[in-house]
Amino acid sequence: MIIVITPEEMMMNETEIINELFQEGLDLLHIRKPFINSEEMADFIQKMNSEFHHRLVLHSHYDLAKDFDISRFHFREIDRQNDLFKSFTDKTISTSVHDIKSFNELNKDWEYSFISPVFPSISKKGYGENSMILNDIKNRNNSDVKLIALGGINEKNINETFESGVDGVALLGAIWESNEPINVFKKCRQNVLS
């Protein structure tokens, strides 16, 4: 499984790129736009082909889901710890962790969890420099929840990431910091499929 996470800030031609990513085989898109209001979020989603709406995951503005055939919701670690997901357990929910111990403690409510940073981050300079997560994944003992690696993943290290035993990867900086986001995605997908 390959997931792409949107950049926090709006980008030029972002929804056009997203539509093309879906056409190239993107599994899921996480919409993480903490600085936009509900109206801007609705406008953003509207610009995406409706045939892909069921593959969108909301990080905020959950109330918009009913208008767009969205049934997937992501909850940050802090939101999970504060039980903000409790009224969503009949939906598909995901979360984030930063160590394998926290991942192993997740229950079946969660379809998957991001674990980060796997490699030094591409978009957040200096973040994840000394990460041991890739090594720690061997201590995984939770098979109820899919494990999705995040942080610094690109076409050069995506295979190494999958070889560590994860169920999928999430791309952020590799896509949005590139001048050729579609080509980077295609290379990542090709490397995984080959």
Protein backbone atom coordinates (compact mmCIF):
# COMPACT_ATOMS: atom_id res chain seq x y z
CA MET A 1 0.00 0.00 0.00
CA ILE A 2 1.29 3.46 -0.92
CA ILE A 3 -0.29 6.49 0.72
CA VAL A 4 0.45 10.13 -0.04
CA ILE A 5 -0.03 12.86 2.57
CA THR A 6 -0.80 16.38 1.36
CA PRO A 7 1.54 19.20 2.29
CA GLU A 8 0.17 21.38 5.11
CA GLU A 9 0.18 24.49 2.91
CA MET A 10 -1.76 24.75 -0.36
CA MET A 11 0.40 24.20 -3.44
CA MET A 12 0.12 25.23 -7.05
CA ASN A 13 -1.78 22.60 -9.11
CA GLU A 14 -2.08 20.37 -6.04
CA THR A 15 -5.47 18.86 -6.86
CA GLU A 16 -4.45 18.24 -10.48
CA ILE A 17 -1.38 16.37 -9.21
CA ILE A 18 -3.55 14.42 -6.75
CA ASN A 19 -5.98 13.37 -9.49
CA GLU A 20 -3.05 12.18 -11.59
CA LEU A 21 -1.53 10.29 -8.63
CA PHE A 22 -4.81 8.41 -8.21
CA GLN A 23 -4.83 7.60 -11.93
CA GLU A 24 -1.30 6.23 -11.52
CA GLY A 25 -2.40 3.84 -8.77
CA LEU A 26 -2.29 5.80 -5.51
CA ASP A 27 -4.08 3.77 -2.82
CA LEU A 28 -5.06 6.51 -0.36
CA LEU A 29 -4.58 10.25 0.08
CA HIS A 30 -4.39 11.76 3.56
CA ILE A 31 -5.64 15.35 3.56
CA ARG A 32 -3.66 17.14 6.23
CA LYS A 33 -4.40 20.85 5.96
CA PRO A 34 -4.41 22.20 9.54
CA PHE A 35 -4.56 25.85 8.49
CA ILE A 36 -7.65 25.90 6.26
CA ASN A 37 -11.27 26.39 7.26
CA SER A 38 -14.21 24.15 6.47
CA GLU A 39 -15.20 26.08 3.35
CA GLU A 40 -11.66 25.95 1.92
CA MET A 41 -11.49 22.23 2.70
CA ALA A 42 -14.78 21.58 0.89
CA ASP A 43 -13.49 23.56 -2.10
CA PHE A 44 -10.24 21.57 -2.05
CA ILE A 45 -12.05 18.20 -2.00
CA GLN A 46 -14.47 19.34 -4.72
CA LYS A 47 -11.54 19.85 -7.11
CA MET A 48 -10.68 16.15 -6.90
CA ASN A 49 -12.42 13.63 -9.15
CA SER A 50 -15.42 12.31 -7.23
CA GLU A 51 -14.50 8.75 -8.26
CA PHE A 52 -11.55 9.03 -5.83
CA HIS A 53 -13.41 10.52 -2.85
CA HIS A 54 -13.79 7.12 -1.18
CA ARG A 55 -9.96 6.92 -1.10
CA LEU A 56 -9.55 10.18 0.81
CA VAL A 57 -8.68 10.27 4.50
CA LEU A 58 -9.56 13.35 6.54
CA HIS A 59 -7.30 14.66 9.31
CA SER A 60 -9.76 17.45 10.19
CA HIS A 61 -13.17 18.85 9.21
CA TYR A 62 -14.66 15.40 9.73
CA ASP A 63 -18.17 16.83 9.33
CA LEU A 64 -17.52 17.23 5.57
CA ALA A 65 -17.30 13.45 5.12
CA LYS A 66 -21.03 12.98 4.55
CA ASP A 67 -21.00 15.50 1.68
CA PHE A 68 -18.21 13.70 -0.17
CA ASP A 69 -18.64 9.94 0.36
CA ILE A 70 -15.62 9.86 2.71
CA SER A 71 -15.53 7.19 5.41
CA ARG A 72 -11.86 7.31 6.42
CA PHE A 73 -10.54 9.42 9.29
CA HIS A 74 -7.08 9.91 10.78
CA PHE A 75 -6.44 10.80 14.41
CA ARG A 76 -3.18 12.17 15.72
CA GLU A 77 -1.51 10.45 18.66
CA ILE A 78 -2.77 13.13 21.08
CA ASP A 79 -6.34 12.80 19.73
CA ARG A 80 -6.17 9.03 20.20
CA GLN A 81 -4.93 9.42 23.76
CA ASN A 82 -7.84 11.81 24.46
CA ASP A 83 -10.37 9.33 22.95
CA LEU A 84 -11.53 11.81 20.27
CA PHE A 85 -12.03 8.88 17.88
CA LYS A 86 -14.67 7.10 20.01
CA SER A 87 -17.67 8.19 17.90
CA PHE A 88 -15.91 7.03 14.70
CA THR A 89 -15.27 3.37 15.46
CA ASP A 90 -17.91 2.32 12.90
CA LYS A 91 -15.74 4.05 10.25
CA THR A 92 -12.25 3.27 8.93
CA ILE A 93 -9.82 4.98 11.29
CA SER A 94 -6.06 5.36 11.37
CA THR A 95 -3.60 6.96 13.76
CA SER A 96 0.10 7.75 14.27
CA VAL A 97 2.76 6.44 16.63
CA HIS A 98 6.44 7.22 17.06
CA ASP A 99 7.68 3.94 18.51
CA ILE A 100 6.94 0.24 18.08
CA LYS A 101 5.83 -0.20 21.72
CA SER A 102 2.93 2.25 21.17
CA PHE A 103 2.07 0.48 17.92
CA ASN A 104 1.97 -2.92 19.62
CA GLU A 105 -0.56 -1.54 22.12
CA LEU A 106 -3.11 -0.46 19.46
CA ASN A 107 -6.36 -2.43 19.33
CA LYS A 108 -8.44 -3.68 16.41
CA ASP A 109 -10.36 -0.37 16.11
CA TRP A 110 -7.49 0.94 14.00
CA GLU A 111 -7.07 -0.17 10.38
CA TYR A 112 -3.49 1.09 10.27
CA SER A 113 -1.01 3.36 11.97
CA PHE A 114 1.79 5.51 10.66
CA ILE A 115 5.11 4.99 12.41
CA SER A 116 7.64 7.78 11.99
CA PRO A 117 10.27 8.92 11.34
CA VAL A 118 11.72 5.91 9.54
CA PHE A 119 14.46 7.92 7.80
CA PRO A 120 15.52 11.55 8.18
CA SER A 121 12.58 13.65 7.01
CA ILE A 122 12.66 15.23 3.55
CA SER A 123 10.18 18.00 4.40
CA LYS A 124 11.21 18.68 8.04
CA LYS A 125 14.96 19.25 7.94
CA GLY A 126 16.82 17.64 10.84
CA TYR A 127 13.84 15.55 11.99
CA GLY A 128 14.54 11.84 12.35
CA GLU A 129 18.31 12.05 11.99
CA ASN A 130 18.99 9.35 14.60
CA SER A 131 15.86 7.28 14.18
CA MET A 132 16.07 3.60 15.08
CA ILE A 133 12.49 2.81 13.99
CA LEU A 134 13.43 0.76 10.92
CA ASN A 135 15.48 -1.49 13.18
CA ASP A 136 12.80 -1.55 15.94
CA ILE A 137 10.10 -2.82 13.55
CA LYS A 138 11.44 -6.34 14.11
CA ASN A 139 9.87 -6.07 17.61
CA ARG A 140 6.40 -5.74 16.11
CA ASN A 141 3.91 -8.18 17.64
CA ASN A 142 0.60 -6.57 16.69
CA SER A 143 -0.91 -8.23 13.61
CA ASP A 144 -4.37 -6.66 14.05
CA VAL A 145 -3.26 -3.24 12.76
CA LYS A 146 -1.40 -2.53 9.53
CA LEU A 147 1.93 -0.72 9.98
CA ILE A 148 2.64 2.15 7.57
CA ALA A 149 6.16 3.62 7.51
CA LEU A 150 6.50 7.41 7.21
CA GLY A 151 9.42 9.80 7.11
CA GLY A 152 12.13 10.28 4.51
CA ILE A 153 10.87 7.53 2.20
CA ASN A 154 11.68 7.92 -1.49
CA GLU A 155 12.29 5.80 -4.58
CA LYS A 156 15.82 4.91 -3.38
CA ASN A 157 14.87 3.47 0.04
CA ILE A 158 11.25 2.31 -0.45
CA ASN A 159 12.24 -1.34 -1.01
CA GLU A 160 14.40 -1.38 2.13
CA THR A 161 11.39 -0.03 4.02
CA PHE A 162 9.09 -2.81 2.78
CA GLU A 163 11.79 -5.40 3.52
CA SER A 164 11.69 -4.32 7.19
CA GLY A 165 8.21 -5.84 7.47
CA VAL A 166 5.84 -2.89 7.11
CA ASP A 167 2.49 -3.20 5.34
CA GLY A 168 2.79 0.06 3.45
CA VAL A 169 4.48 3.43 3.18
CA ALA A 170 3.37 7.04 3.28
CA LEU A 171 5.06 9.60 1.07
CA LEU A 172 5.13 13.32 1.76
CA GLY A 173 8.39 15.15 1.09
CA ALA A 174 9.44 12.83 -1.75
CA ILE A 175 6.32 13.90 -3.67
CA TRP A 176 5.77 17.53 -2.71
CA GLU A 177 9.41 18.66 -2.55
CA SER A 178 9.99 17.30 -6.06
CA ASN A 179 9.70 19.15 -9.37
CA GLU A 180 8.35 15.90 -10.84
CA PRO A 181 5.95 14.50 -8.23
CA ILE A 182 4.19 12.13 -10.64
CA ASN A 183 7.47 10.61 -11.84
CA VAL A 184 8.69 10.15 -8.26
CA PHE A 185 5.44 8.37 -7.39
CA LYS A 186 5.66 6.16 -10.49
CA LYS A 187 9.26 5.19 -9.62
CA CYS A 188 8.27 4.38 -6.03
CA ARG A 189 5.35 2.26 -7.19
CA GLN A 190 7.46 0.53 -9.85
CA ASN A 191 10.16 -0.32 -7.30
CA VAL A 192 7.56 -1.86 -4.99
CA LEU A 193 5.86 -3.86 -7.75
CA SER A 194 9.10 -5.19 -9.28
